[in-house]
Protein backbone atom coordinates (compact mmCIF):
# COMPACT_ATOMS: atom_id res chain seq x y z
CA MET A 1 -12.70 4.98 -24.37
CA ASN A 2 -11.26 1.51 -24.74
CA ILE A 3 -13.80 -1.35 -24.79
CA VAL A 4 -11.85 -3.18 -22.07
CA TRP A 5 -12.99 -0.59 -19.50
CA HIS A 6 -16.60 -1.75 -19.98
CA TYR A 7 -15.67 -5.20 -18.67
CA LEU A 8 -13.49 -4.14 -15.75
CA ASP A 9 -14.88 -5.33 -12.43
CA LYS A 10 -14.89 -1.92 -10.83
CA LYS A 11 -16.10 -3.07 -7.41
CA ALA A 12 -13.31 -5.64 -7.13
CA ALA A 13 -10.81 -3.01 -8.26
CA ALA A 14 -12.16 -0.58 -5.64
CA ILE A 15 -11.76 -3.28 -2.95
CA ASN A 16 -8.15 -3.84 -4.03
CA ALA A 17 -7.54 -0.08 -3.94
CA LEU A 18 -8.98 0.04 -0.42
CA LYS A 19 -6.77 -2.82 0.72
CA ASP A 20 -3.69 -1.06 -0.68
CA TYR A 21 -4.42 2.16 1.21
CA SER A 22 -2.63 1.27 4.45
CA SER A 23 0.48 -0.05 2.69
CA MET A 24 0.70 3.07 0.50
CA GLN A 25 0.34 5.25 3.57
CA TYR A 26 3.10 3.26 5.29
CA ILE A 27 5.40 3.69 2.28
CA ILE A 28 4.88 7.45 2.28
CA GLU A 29 5.49 7.73 6.02
CA HIS A 30 8.61 5.50 6.23
CA THR A 31 10.52 5.86 2.96
CA ASP A 32 12.73 8.67 4.28
CA GLU A 33 13.76 6.51 7.25
CA ASP A 34 14.50 3.55 5.00
CA ILE A 35 16.64 5.66 2.67
CA ALA A 36 18.53 7.15 5.64
CA THR A 37 19.27 3.62 6.90
CA ILE A 38 20.63 2.64 3.49
CA HIS A 39 22.77 5.80 3.37
CA GLU A 40 24.30 4.76 6.70
CA LYS A 41 25.16 1.34 5.23
CA MET A 42 26.76 3.09 2.26
CA SER A 43 29.02 5.24 4.42
CA SER A 44 30.66 2.26 6.07
CA PRO A 45 31.85 -0.11 3.35
CA ALA A 46 33.39 -3.36 4.52
CA SER A 47 37.15 -3.69 4.72
CA PRO A 48 38.91 -6.73 3.36
CA ILE A 49 39.89 -9.32 5.94
CA ILE A 50 43.61 -9.90 5.86
CA ASN A 51 44.47 -13.33 7.19
CA GLY A 52 47.54 -14.17 5.18
CA ILE A 53 45.82 -16.67 2.90
CA CYS A 54 45.57 -15.85 -0.79
CA HIS A 55 42.04 -16.33 -2.05
CA LEU A 56 41.92 -16.09 -5.82
CA HIS A 57 38.19 -16.67 -5.96
CA MET A 58 37.35 -13.92 -3.45
CA ASN A 59 35.59 -10.76 -4.49
CA ARG A 60 38.31 -8.12 -4.85
CA LYS A 61 35.92 -5.16 -4.73
CA PRO A 62 33.28 -5.87 -2.08
CA GLY A 63 32.91 -2.18 -1.21
CA GLU A 64 31.96 -1.26 -4.76
CA LYS A 65 29.41 -4.04 -4.97
CA LYS A 66 27.90 -3.00 -1.65
CA LEU A 67 27.59 0.61 -2.83
CA ILE A 68 25.95 -0.47 -6.08
CA ALA A 69 23.50 -2.68 -4.19
CA CYS A 70 22.62 0.20 -1.87
CA ILE A 71 22.09 2.58 -4.78
CA ASP A 72 19.82 0.03 -6.45
CA GLU A 73 17.87 -0.39 -3.21
CA ILE A 74 17.43 3.39 -2.89
CA ASN A 75 16.18 3.55 -6.47
CA VAL A 76 13.58 0.88 -5.71
CA LEU A 77 12.46 2.74 -2.58
CA LYS A 78 12.14 6.01 -4.50
CA GLU A 79 10.08 4.33 -7.21
CA ARG A 80 7.80 2.77 -4.59
CA TYR A 81 7.43 6.18 -2.99
CA ARG A 82 6.56 7.77 -6.34
CA GLN A 83 3.90 5.12 -6.96
CA ALA A 84 2.48 5.59 -3.46
CA LEU A 85 2.18 9.34 -4.01
CA GLU A 86 0.49 8.74 -7.36
CA TYR A 87 -1.91 6.30 -5.71
CA MET A 88 -2.77 8.78 -2.93
CA GLU A 89 -3.30 11.55 -5.48
CA TRP A 90 -5.82 9.29 -7.24
CA PHE A 91 -7.47 7.60 -4.24
CA LYS A 92 -7.62 10.30 -1.56
CA PRO A 93 -10.07 12.66 -3.33
CA ALA A 94 -12.51 9.78 -3.86
CA TRP A 95 -12.12 8.65 -0.24
CA ASP A 96 -12.68 12.19 1.03
CA ALA A 97 -15.78 12.56 -1.15
CA LEU A 98 -17.48 9.67 0.67
CA SER A 99 -19.71 10.43 3.62
CA GLU A 100 -18.44 9.65 7.12
CA ASP A 101 -20.91 6.73 7.34
CA GLU A 102 -19.66 5.27 4.04
CA ARG A 103 -16.05 5.55 5.19
CA PHE A 104 -16.95 3.87 8.49
CA VAL A 105 -18.61 0.94 6.69
CA LEU A 106 -15.73 0.49 4.23
CA ARG A 107 -13.15 0.78 7.03
CA GLU A 108 -14.93 -1.93 9.00
CA PHE A 109 -15.16 -4.31 6.05
CA TYR A 110 -11.87 -3.77 4.24
CA LEU A 111 -9.31 -1.73 6.14
CA ASP A 112 -9.25 -3.53 9.47
CA ASP A 113 -7.25 -6.64 8.57
CA LYS A 114 -7.46 -8.16 12.04
CA GLN A 115 -11.20 -8.56 12.19
CA LYS A 116 -13.35 -11.01 10.33
CA GLN A 117 -16.16 -9.98 8.03
CA ILE A 118 -18.84 -11.19 10.45
CA ASP A 119 -17.34 -8.95 13.16
CA ALA A 120 -17.50 -6.02 10.75
CA VAL A 121 -21.17 -6.75 10.10
CA TYR A 122 -21.93 -6.82 13.83
CA ASN A 123 -20.01 -3.59 14.40
CA ILE A 124 -21.97 -1.90 11.61
CA CYS A 125 -25.25 -3.26 12.95
CA ASP A 126 -24.44 -1.92 16.41
CA HIS A 127 -23.27 1.43 15.10
CA PHE A 128 -26.35 2.11 12.95
CA ASN A 129 -28.88 -0.03 14.88
CA ILE A 130 -29.79 -2.00 11.77
CA GLU A 131 -30.15 -5.65 10.74
CA ARG A 132 -27.43 -7.71 9.06
CA SER A 133 -29.00 -7.54 5.61
CA SER A 134 -29.10 -3.75 5.89
CA ALA A 135 -25.44 -3.72 6.88
CA TYR A 136 -24.53 -5.66 3.74
CA ASN A 137 -26.68 -3.31 1.66
CA LYS A 138 -24.91 -0.32 3.23
CA LYS A 139 -21.55 -1.89 2.37
CA ASN A 140 -22.60 -2.54 -1.22
CA ARG A 141 -23.86 1.03 -1.67
CA ALA A 142 -20.69 2.51 -0.17
CA LEU A 143 -18.50 0.28 -2.33
CA GLY A 144 -20.51 1.18 -5.42
CA HIS A 145 -20.15 4.87 -4.62
CA LEU A 146 -16.39 4.51 -4.14
CA ALA A 147 -16.06 2.58 -7.40
CA LEU A 148 -18.03 5.30 -9.20
CA LEU A 149 -15.78 8.00 -7.75
CA LEU A 150 -12.60 6.09 -8.65
CA TYR A 151 -13.48 4.76 -12.10
CA GLY A 152 -16.55 6.65 -13.29
CA LYS A 153 -19.48 4.97 -14.98
């Protein structure tokens, strides 16, 4: 094992992994639609505009450039999709291994982007009928458990 792994902030890395979950899920769900849209753009290359004026500086092969750009864009989408699948293959077993209460706490703190942290604390307090300090302790234990499942000791 490389010495660098001893100094990795595993909790911060687990938080970042949690925050990436929704975007990875979005990529997996919408990549096929995005690729289909690009294929539609590829099937209708632009025609040159003939207006009688000779333009020496104009691009003489705009259709080819458009096709190349679309192919490059599809390659980027496929690579993003591959990385999202790899992420889910790594993250999902750890997420599923957490208890329902741990997932609830982590969802409240890190996955709901719209709410503030203090709202998450109040939601957790209401849900479990506990005090604020206990809610933070619950969050820290759940995060520690997730970090252990993702990165080991």
